[in-house]
PDB file of N, CA and C in Angstrom:
ATOM      1  N   MET A   1      23.801  26.056 -18.817  1.00  0.00           N
ATOM      2  CA  MET A   1      22.492  26.326 -18.263  1.00  0.00           C
ATOM      3  C   MET A   1      21.599  25.103 -18.466  1.00  0.00           C
ATOM      4  N   THR A   2      20.848  24.764 -17.460  1.00  0.00           N
ATOM      5  CA  THR A   2      19.920  23.647 -17.527  1.00  0.00           C
ATOM      6  C   THR A   2      18.564  24.135 -18.004  1.00  0.00           C
ATOM      7  N   LYS A   3      17.992  23.422 -18.953  1.00  0.00           N
ATOM      8  CA  LYS A   3      16.647  23.749 -19.419  1.00  0.00           C
ATOM      9  C   LYS A   3      15.649  23.016 -18.536  1.00  0.00           C
ATOM     10  N   VAL A   4      14.668  23.734 -18.001  1.00  0.00           N
ATOM     11  CA  VAL A   4      13.657  23.111 -17.155  1.00  0.00           C
ATOM     12  C   VAL A   4      12.356  22.973 -17.925  1.00  0.00           C
ATOM     13  N   ASP A   5      11.592  21.952 -17.557  1.00  0.00           N
ATOM     14  CA  ASP A   5      10.308  21.724 -18.203  1.00  0.00           C
ATOM     15  C   ASP A   5       9.218  22.609 -17.614  1.00  0.00           C
ATOM     16  N   THR A   6       9.261  22.828 -16.305  1.00  0.00           N
ATOM     17  CA  THR A   6       8.278  23.695 -15.657  1.00  0.00           C
ATOM     18  C   THR A   6       8.755  24.055 -14.257  1.00  0.00           C
ATOM     19  N   LYS A   7       8.166  25.090 -13.707  1.00  0.00           N
ATOM     20  CA  LYS A   7       8.447  25.513 -12.342  1.00  0.00           C
ATOM     21  C   LYS A   7       7.419  24.862 -11.420  1.00  0.00           C
ATOM     22  N   LEU A   8       7.887  24.359 -10.267  1.00  0.00           N
ATOM     23  CA  LEU A   8       6.994  23.788  -9.271  1.00  0.00           C
ATOM     24  C   LEU A   8       6.937  24.710  -8.063  1.00  0.00           C
ATOM     25  N   TYR A   9       5.754  24.794  -7.461  1.00  0.00           N
ATOM     26  CA  TYR A   9       5.538  25.597  -6.262  1.00  0.00           C
ATOM     27  C   TYR A   9       5.309  24.664  -5.076  1.00  0.00           C
ATOM     28  N   ILE A  10       5.460  25.189  -3.872  1.00  0.00           N
ATOM     29  CA  ILE A  10       5.395  24.374  -2.662  1.00  0.00           C
ATOM     30  C   ILE A  10       4.107  23.561  -2.581  1.00  0.00           C
ATOM     31  N   HIS A  11       2.986  24.127  -3.004  1.00  0.00           N
ATOM     32  CA  HIS A  11       1.715  23.398  -2.912  1.00  0.00           C
ATOM     33  C   HIS A  11       1.623  22.252  -3.932  1.00  0.00           C
ATOM     34  N   GLU A  12       2.536  22.225  -4.886  1.00  0.00           N
ATOM     35  CA  GLU A  12       2.541  21.164  -5.893  1.00  0.00           C
ATOM     36  C   GLU A  12       3.432  19.982  -5.494  1.00  0.00           C
ATOM     37  N   LEU A  13       4.164  20.132  -4.412  1.00  0.00           N
ATOM     38  CA  LEU A  13       5.090  19.085  -3.980  1.00  0.00           C
ATOM     39  C   LEU A  13       4.361  18.049  -3.130  1.00  0.00           C
ATOM     40  N   GLU A  14       3.469  17.355  -3.737  1.00  0.00           N
ATOM     41  CA  GLU A  14       2.699  16.310  -3.061  1.00  0.00           C
ATOM     42  C   GLU A  14       3.179  14.953  -3.554  1.00  0.00           C
ATOM     43  N   ASN A  15       3.101  13.958  -2.701  1.00  0.00           N
ATOM     44  CA  ASN A  15       3.555  12.614  -3.057  1.00  0.00           C
ATOM     45  C   ASN A  15       2.817  12.068  -4.270  1.00  0.00           C
ATOM     46  N   ASP A  16       1.514  12.368  -4.415  1.00  0.00           N
ATOM     47  CA  ASP A  16       0.746  11.865  -5.548  1.00  0.00           C
ATOM     48  C   ASP A  16       1.320  12.378  -6.869  1.00  0.00           C
ATOM     49  N   LEU A  17       1.661  13.657  -6.909  1.00  0.00           N
ATOM     50  CA  LEU A  17       2.235  14.236  -8.129  1.00  0.00           C
ATOM     51  C   LEU A  17       3.583  13.607  -8.425  1.00  0.00           C
ATOM     52  N   LEU A  18       4.446  13.565  -7.424  1.00  0.00           N
ATOM     53  CA  LEU A  18       5.803  13.079  -7.640  1.00  0.00           C
ATOM     54  C   LEU A  18       5.832  11.586  -7.955  1.00  0.00           C
ATOM     55  N   SER A  19       5.028  10.801  -7.263  1.00  0.00           N
ATOM     56  CA  SER A  19       5.008   9.370  -7.556  1.00  0.00           C
ATOM     57  C   SER A  19       4.327   9.100  -8.892  1.00  0.00           C
ATOM     58  N   GLY A  20       3.414   9.973  -9.306  1.00  0.00           N
ATOM     59  CA  GLY A  20       2.768   9.826 -10.607  1.00  0.00           C
ATOM     60  C   GLY A  20       3.745   9.947 -11.760  1.00  0.00           C
ATOM     61  N   LEU A  21       4.818  10.688 -11.550  1.00  0.00           N
ATOM     62  CA  LEU A  21       5.841  10.839 -12.591  1.00  0.00           C
ATOM     63  C   LEU A  21       6.545   9.525 -12.890  1.00  0.00           C
ATOM     64  N   GLU A  22       6.585   8.623 -11.918  1.00  0.00           N
ATOM     65  CA  GLU A  22       7.234   7.327 -12.105  1.00  0.00           C
ATOM     66  C   GLU A  22       6.517   6.498 -13.164  1.00  0.00           C
ATOM     67  N   GLN A  23       5.249   6.763 -13.387  1.00  0.00           N
ATOM     68  CA  GLN A  23       4.480   6.019 -14.384  1.00  0.00           C
ATOM     69  C   GLN A  23       4.981   6.282 -15.799  1.00  0.00           C
ATOM     70  N   PHE A  24       5.680   7.400 -15.992  1.00  0.00           N
ATOM     71  CA  PHE A  24       6.178   7.753 -17.317  1.00  0.00           C
ATOM     72  C   PHE A  24       7.546   7.144 -17.593  1.00  0.00           C
ATOM     73  N   GLY A  25       8.145   6.483 -16.611  1.00  0.00           N
ATOM     74  CA  GLY A  25       9.444   5.848 -16.774  1.00  0.00           C
ATOM     75  C   GLY A  25       9.311   4.506 -17.466  1.00  0.00           C
ATOM     76  N   PRO A  26      10.406   3.820 -17.715  1.00  0.00           N
ATOM     77  CA  PRO A  26      11.754   4.203 -17.311  1.00  0.00           C
ATOM     78  C   PRO A  26      12.293   5.326 -18.194  1.00  0.00           C
ATOM     79  N   TYR A  27      13.119   6.137 -17.576  1.00  0.00           N
ATOM     80  CA  TYR A  27      13.719   7.263 -18.283  1.00  0.00           C
ATOM     81  C   TYR A  27      15.067   6.851 -18.857  1.00  0.00           C
ATOM     82  N   GLY A  28      15.432   7.473 -19.928  1.00  0.00           N
ATOM     83  CA  GLY A  28      16.707   7.192 -20.580  1.00  0.00           C
ATOM     84  C   GLY A  28      16.709   7.791 -21.965  1.00  0.00           C
ATOM     85  N   ILE A  29      17.514   7.249 -22.847  1.00  0.00           N
ATOM     86  CA  ILE A  29      17.593   7.743 -24.219  1.00  0.00           C
ATOM     87  C   ILE A  29      16.216   7.599 -24.855  1.00  0.00           C
ATOM     88  N   GLY A  30      15.713   8.683 -25.409  1.00  0.00           N
ATOM     89  CA  GLY A  30      14.407   8.671 -26.047  1.00  0.00           C
ATOM     90  C   GLY A  30      13.255   8.961 -25.104  1.00  0.00           C
ATOM     91  N   ASN A  31      13.503   8.961 -23.807  1.00  0.00           N
ATOM     92  CA  ASN A  31      12.476   9.291 -22.818  1.00  0.00           C
ATOM     93  C   ASN A  31      13.145  10.042 -21.670  1.00  0.00           C
ATOM     94  N   LYS A  32      13.412  11.316 -21.920  1.00  0.00           N
ATOM     95  CA  LYS A  32      14.155  12.144 -20.977  1.00  0.00           C
ATOM     96  C   LYS A  32      13.352  12.374 -19.700  1.00  0.00           C
ATOM     97  N   GLN A  33      14.036  12.283 -18.579  1.00  0.00           N
ATOM     98  CA  GLN A  33      13.404  12.558 -17.293  1.00  0.00           C
ATOM     99  C   GLN A  33      13.092  14.051 -17.211  1.00  0.00           C
ATOM    100  N   PRO A  34      11.896  14.424 -16.733  1.00  0.00           N
ATOM    101  CA  PRO A  34      11.545  15.846 -16.644  1.00  0.00           C
ATOM    102  C   PRO A  34      12.429  16.571 -15.636  1.00  0.00           C
ATOM    103  N   GLU A  35      12.678  17.842 -15.911  1.00  0.00           N
ATOM    104  CA  GLU A  35      13.476  18.673 -15.013  1.00  0.00           C
ATOM    105  C   GLU A  35      12.628  19.849 -14.567  1.00  0.00           C
ATOM    106  N   PHE A  36      12.637  20.087 -13.240  1.00  0.00           N
ATOM    107  CA  PHE A  36      11.798  21.112 -12.650  1.00  0.00           C
ATOM    108  C   PHE A  36      12.637  22.169 -11.960  1.00  0.00           C
ATOM    109  N   LEU A  37      12.094  23.374 -11.889  1.00  0.00           N
ATOM    110  CA  LEU A  37      12.693  24.466 -11.132  1.00  0.00           C
ATOM    111  C   LEU A  37      11.881  24.632  -9.858  1.00  0.00           C
ATOM    112  N   ILE A  38      12.568  24.578  -8.716  1.00  0.00           N
ATOM    113  CA  ILE A  38      11.941  24.825  -7.420  1.00  0.00           C
ATOM    114  C   ILE A  38      12.799  25.884  -6.735  1.00  0.00           C
ATOM    115  N   GLU A  39      12.233  27.042  -6.509  1.00  0.00           N
ATOM    116  CA  GLU A  39      12.999  28.153  -5.936  1.00  0.00           C
ATOM    117  C   GLU A  39      12.991  28.107  -4.410  1.00  0.00           C
ATOM    118  N   ASP A  40      14.026  28.727  -3.824  1.00  0.00           N
ATOM    119  CA  ASP A  40      14.152  28.905  -2.371  1.00  0.00           C
ATOM    120  C   ASP A  40      14.239  27.592  -1.603  1.00  0.00           C
ATOM    121  N   VAL A  41      14.871  26.602  -2.196  1.00  0.00           N
ATOM    122  CA  VAL A  41      15.042  25.294  -1.565  1.00  0.00           C
ATOM    123  C   VAL A  41      16.279  25.313  -0.676  1.00  0.00           C
ATOM    124  N   LEU A  42      16.157  24.712   0.491  1.00  0.00           N
ATOM    125  CA  LEU A  42      17.292  24.529   1.383  1.00  0.00           C
ATOM    126  C   LEU A  42      17.822  23.117   1.178  1.00  0.00           C
ATOM    127  N   ILE A  43      19.083  22.986   0.773  1.00  0.00           N
ATOM    128  CA  ILE A  43      19.721  21.678   0.611  1.00  0.00           C
ATOM    129  C   ILE A  43      20.308  21.300   1.968  1.00  0.00           C
ATOM    130  N   THR A  44      19.827  20.187   2.532  1.00  0.00           N
ATOM    131  CA  THR A  44      20.256  19.786   3.870  1.00  0.00           C
ATOM    132  C   THR A  44      21.363  18.736   3.846  1.00  0.00           C
ATOM    133  N   ARG A  45      21.487  18.009   2.743  1.00  0.00           N
ATOM    134  CA  ARG A  45      22.534  16.986   2.627  1.00  0.00           C
ATOM    135  C   ARG A  45      22.708  16.622   1.163  1.00  0.00           C
ATOM    136  N   THR A  46      23.928  16.243   0.801  1.00  0.00           N
ATOM    137  CA  THR A  46      24.196  15.756  -0.551  1.00  0.00           C
ATOM    138  C   THR A  46      24.889  14.404  -0.471  1.00  0.00           C
ATOM    139  N   ASP A  47      24.551  13.526  -1.407  1.00  0.00           N
ATOM    140  CA  ASP A  47      25.182  12.217  -1.507  1.00  0.00           C
ATOM    141  C   ASP A  47      25.574  11.989  -2.961  1.00  0.00           C
ATOM    142  N   VAL A  48      26.727  11.384  -3.168  1.00  0.00           N
ATOM    143  CA  VAL A  48      27.140  10.952  -4.500  1.00  0.00           C
ATOM    144  C   VAL A  48      26.891   9.456  -4.565  1.00  0.00           C
ATOM    145  N   ILE A  49      26.124   9.030  -5.558  1.00  0.00           N
ATOM    146  CA  ILE A  49      25.770   7.617  -5.676  1.00  0.00           C
ATOM    147  C   ILE A  49      26.014   7.142  -7.096  1.00  0.00           C
ATOM    148  N   GLY A  50      26.088   5.839  -7.281  1.00  0.00           N
ATOM    149  CA  GLY A  50      26.207   5.275  -8.619  1.00  0.00           C
ATOM    150  C   GLY A  50      27.573   4.706  -8.918  1.00  0.00           C
ATOM    151  N   LYS A  51      27.738   4.304 -10.175  1.00  0.00           N
ATOM    152  CA  LYS A  51      28.971   3.688 -10.648  1.00  0.00           C
ATOM    153  C   LYS A  51      30.084   4.722 -10.769  1.00  0.00           C
ATOM    154  N   LYS A  52      31.305   4.234 -10.808  1.00  0.00           N
ATOM    155  CA  LYS A  52      32.463   5.127 -10.883  1.00  0.00           C
ATOM    156  C   LYS A  52      32.408   6.067 -12.080  1.00  0.00           C
ATOM    157  N   GLU A  53      32.062   5.537 -13.240  1.00  0.00           N
ATOM    158  CA  GLU A  53      32.101   6.356 -14.455  1.00  0.00           C
ATOM    159  C   GLU A  53      30.841   7.198 -14.660  1.00  0.00           C
ATOM    160  N   ARG A  54      29.782   6.934 -13.909  1.00  0.00           N
ATOM    161  CA  ARG A  54      28.518   7.661 -14.110  1.00  0.00           C
ATOM    162  C   ARG A  54      27.852   7.902 -12.759  1.00  0.00           C
ATOM    163  N   LYS A  55      28.433   8.786 -11.964  1.00  0.00           N
ATOM    164  CA  LYS A  55      27.911   9.056 -10.631  1.00  0.00           C
ATOM    165  C   LYS A  55      26.765  10.061 -10.697  1.00  0.00           C
ATOM    166  N   HIS A  56      25.861   9.941  -9.735  1.00  0.00           N
ATOM    167  CA  HIS A  56      24.712  10.830  -9.649  1.00  0.00           C
ATOM    168  C   HIS A  56      24.779  11.600  -8.342  1.00  0.00           C
ATOM    169  N   LEU A  57      24.147  12.755  -8.325  1.00  0.00           N
ATOM    170  CA  LEU A  57      24.086  13.591  -7.137  1.00  0.00           C
ATOM    171  C   LEU A  57      22.679  13.501  -6.561  1.00  0.00           C
ATOM    172  N   LYS A  58      22.587  13.085  -5.324  1.00  0.00           N
ATOM    173  CA  LYS A  58      21.295  12.985  -4.631  1.00  0.00           C
ATOM    174  C   LYS A  58      21.263  14.083  -3.569  1.00  0.00           C
ATOM    175  N   LEU A  59      20.324  15.002  -3.730  1.00  0.00           N
ATOM    176  CA  LEU A  59      20.204  16.124  -2.806  1.00  0.00           C
ATOM    177  C   LEU A  59      19.006  15.917  -1.899  1.00  0.00           C
ATOM    178  N   HIS A  60      19.198  16.095  -0.615  1.00  0.00           N
ATOM    179  CA  HIS A  60      18.110  16.065   0.355  1.00  0.00           C
ATOM    180  C   HIS A  60      17.731  17.524   0.578  1.00  0.00           C
ATOM    181  N   ALA A  61      16.474  17.839   0.329  1.00  0.00           N
ATOM    182  CA  ALA A  61      16.054  19.231   0.293  1.00  0.00           C
ATOM    183  C   ALA A  61      14.850  19.487   1.185  1.00  0.00           C
ATOM    184  N   GLN A  62      14.656  20.763   1.498  1.00  0.00           N
ATOM    185  CA  GLN A  62      13.509  21.167   2.291  1.00  0.00           C
ATOM    186  C   GLN A  62      13.007  22.503   1.755  1.00  0.00           C
ATOM    187  N   LEU A  63      11.697  22.610   1.661  1.00  0.00           N
ATOM    188  CA  LEU A  63      11.035  23.853   1.258  1.00  0.00           C
ATOM    189  C   LEU A  63       9.863  24.037   2.206  1.00  0.00           C
ATOM    190  N   GLY A  64       9.968  25.009   3.088  1.00  0.00           N
ATOM    191  CA  GLY A  64       8.962  25.139   4.139  1.00  0.00           C
ATOM    192  C   GLY A  64       9.042  23.916   5.034  1.00  0.00           C
ATOM    193  N   ASP A  65       7.908  23.267   5.275  1.00  0.00           N
ATOM    194  CA  ASP A  65       7.900  22.056   6.104  1.00  0.00           C
ATOM    195  C   ASP A  65       7.959  20.776   5.279  1.00  0.00           C
ATOM    196  N   LYS A  66       8.102  20.905   3.956  1.00  0.00           N
ATOM    197  CA  LYS A  66       8.145  19.738   3.071  1.00  0.00           C
ATOM    198  C   LYS A  66       9.591  19.322   2.827  1.00  0.00           C
ATOM    199  N   LYS A  67       9.854  18.027   2.978  1.00  0.00           N
ATOM    200  CA  LYS A  67      11.175  17.463   2.720  1.00  0.00           C
ATOM    201  C   LYS A  67      11.060  16.525   1.526  1.00  0.00           C
ATOM    202  N   PHE A  68      12.067  16.560   0.665  1.00  0.00           N
ATOM    203  CA  PHE A  68      12.051  15.729  -0.534  1.00  0.00           C
ATOM    204  C   PHE A  68      13.476  15.532  -1.022  1.00  0.00           C
ATOM    205  N   GLN A  69      13.629  14.672  -2.022  1.00  0.00           N
ATOM    206  CA  GLN A  69      14.942  14.393  -2.598  1.00  0.00           C
ATOM    207  C   GLN A  69      14.957  14.814  -4.054  1.00  0.00           C
ATOM    208  N   ILE A  70      16.120  15.256  -4.491  1.00  0.00           N
ATOM    209  CA  ILE A  70      16.333  15.690  -5.868  1.00  0.00           C
ATOM    210  C   ILE A  70      17.470  14.859  -6.442  1.00  0.00           C
ATOM    211  N   MET A  71      17.260  14.276  -7.613  1.00  0.00           N
ATOM    212  CA  MET A  71      18.319  13.519  -8.282  1.00  0.00           C
ATOM    213  C   MET A  71      18.872  14.335  -9.440  1.00  0.00           C
ATOM    214  N   GLN A  72      20.171  14.453  -9.502  1.00  0.00           N
ATOM    215  CA  GLN A  72      20.875  15.079 -10.604  1.00  0.00           C
ATOM    216  C   GLN A  72      21.700  13.981 -11.263  1.00  0.00           C
ATOM    217  N   ARG A  73      21.140  13.357 -12.269  1.00  0.00           N
ATOM    218  CA  ARG A  73      21.804  12.214 -12.923  1.00  0.00           C
ATOM    219  C   ARG A  73      23.036  12.683 -13.705  1.00  0.00           C
ATOM    220  N   GLY A  74      24.120  11.963 -13.499  1.00  0.00           N
ATOM    221  CA  GLY A  74      25.364  12.266 -14.192  1.00  0.00           C
ATOM    222  C   GLY A  74      26.105  13.482 -13.658  1.00  0.00           C
ATOM    223  N   LYS A  75      25.662  14.067 -12.547  1.00  0.00           N
ATOM    224  CA  LYS A  75      26.296  15.272 -12.009  1.00  0.00           C
ATOM    225  C   LYS A  75      27.202  14.997 -10.824  1.00  0.00           C
ATOM    226  N   GLY A  76      27.368  13.739 -10.439  1.00  0.00           N
ATOM    227  CA  GLY A  76      28.182  13.395  -9.287  1.00  0.00           C
ATOM    228  C   GLY A  76      29.670  13.484  -9.511  1.00  0.00           C
ATOM    229  N   ASN A  77      30.096  13.579 -10.764  1.00  0.00           N
ATOM    230  CA  ASN A  77      31.520  13.673 -11.073  1.00  0.00           C
ATOM    231  C   ASN A  77      31.987  15.120 -11.197  1.00  0.00           C
ATOM    232  N   GLU A  78      31.071  16.058 -11.152  1.00  0.00           N
ATOM    233  CA  GLU A  78      31.425  17.480 -11.366  1.00  0.00           C
ATOM    234  C   GLU A  78      31.803  18.167 -10.090  1.00  0.00           C
TER     235      GLU A  78
END
């Protein structure tokens, strides 16, 4: 089970909020990237990206009329 930091709603999916999260990076050991729960998302495409030993899953998603991307780091090998 994945632990989430908070639930996001459609009205919270604004570029200002999402790009503001980049200010807290870089993420890694000692600075974990936040994880959010977004319900009723339609996944329109998936891509596996990254190095052979540490692939990531990039999901192209849609919620209502909003389109966005979701990164699942280290989940591309599963």
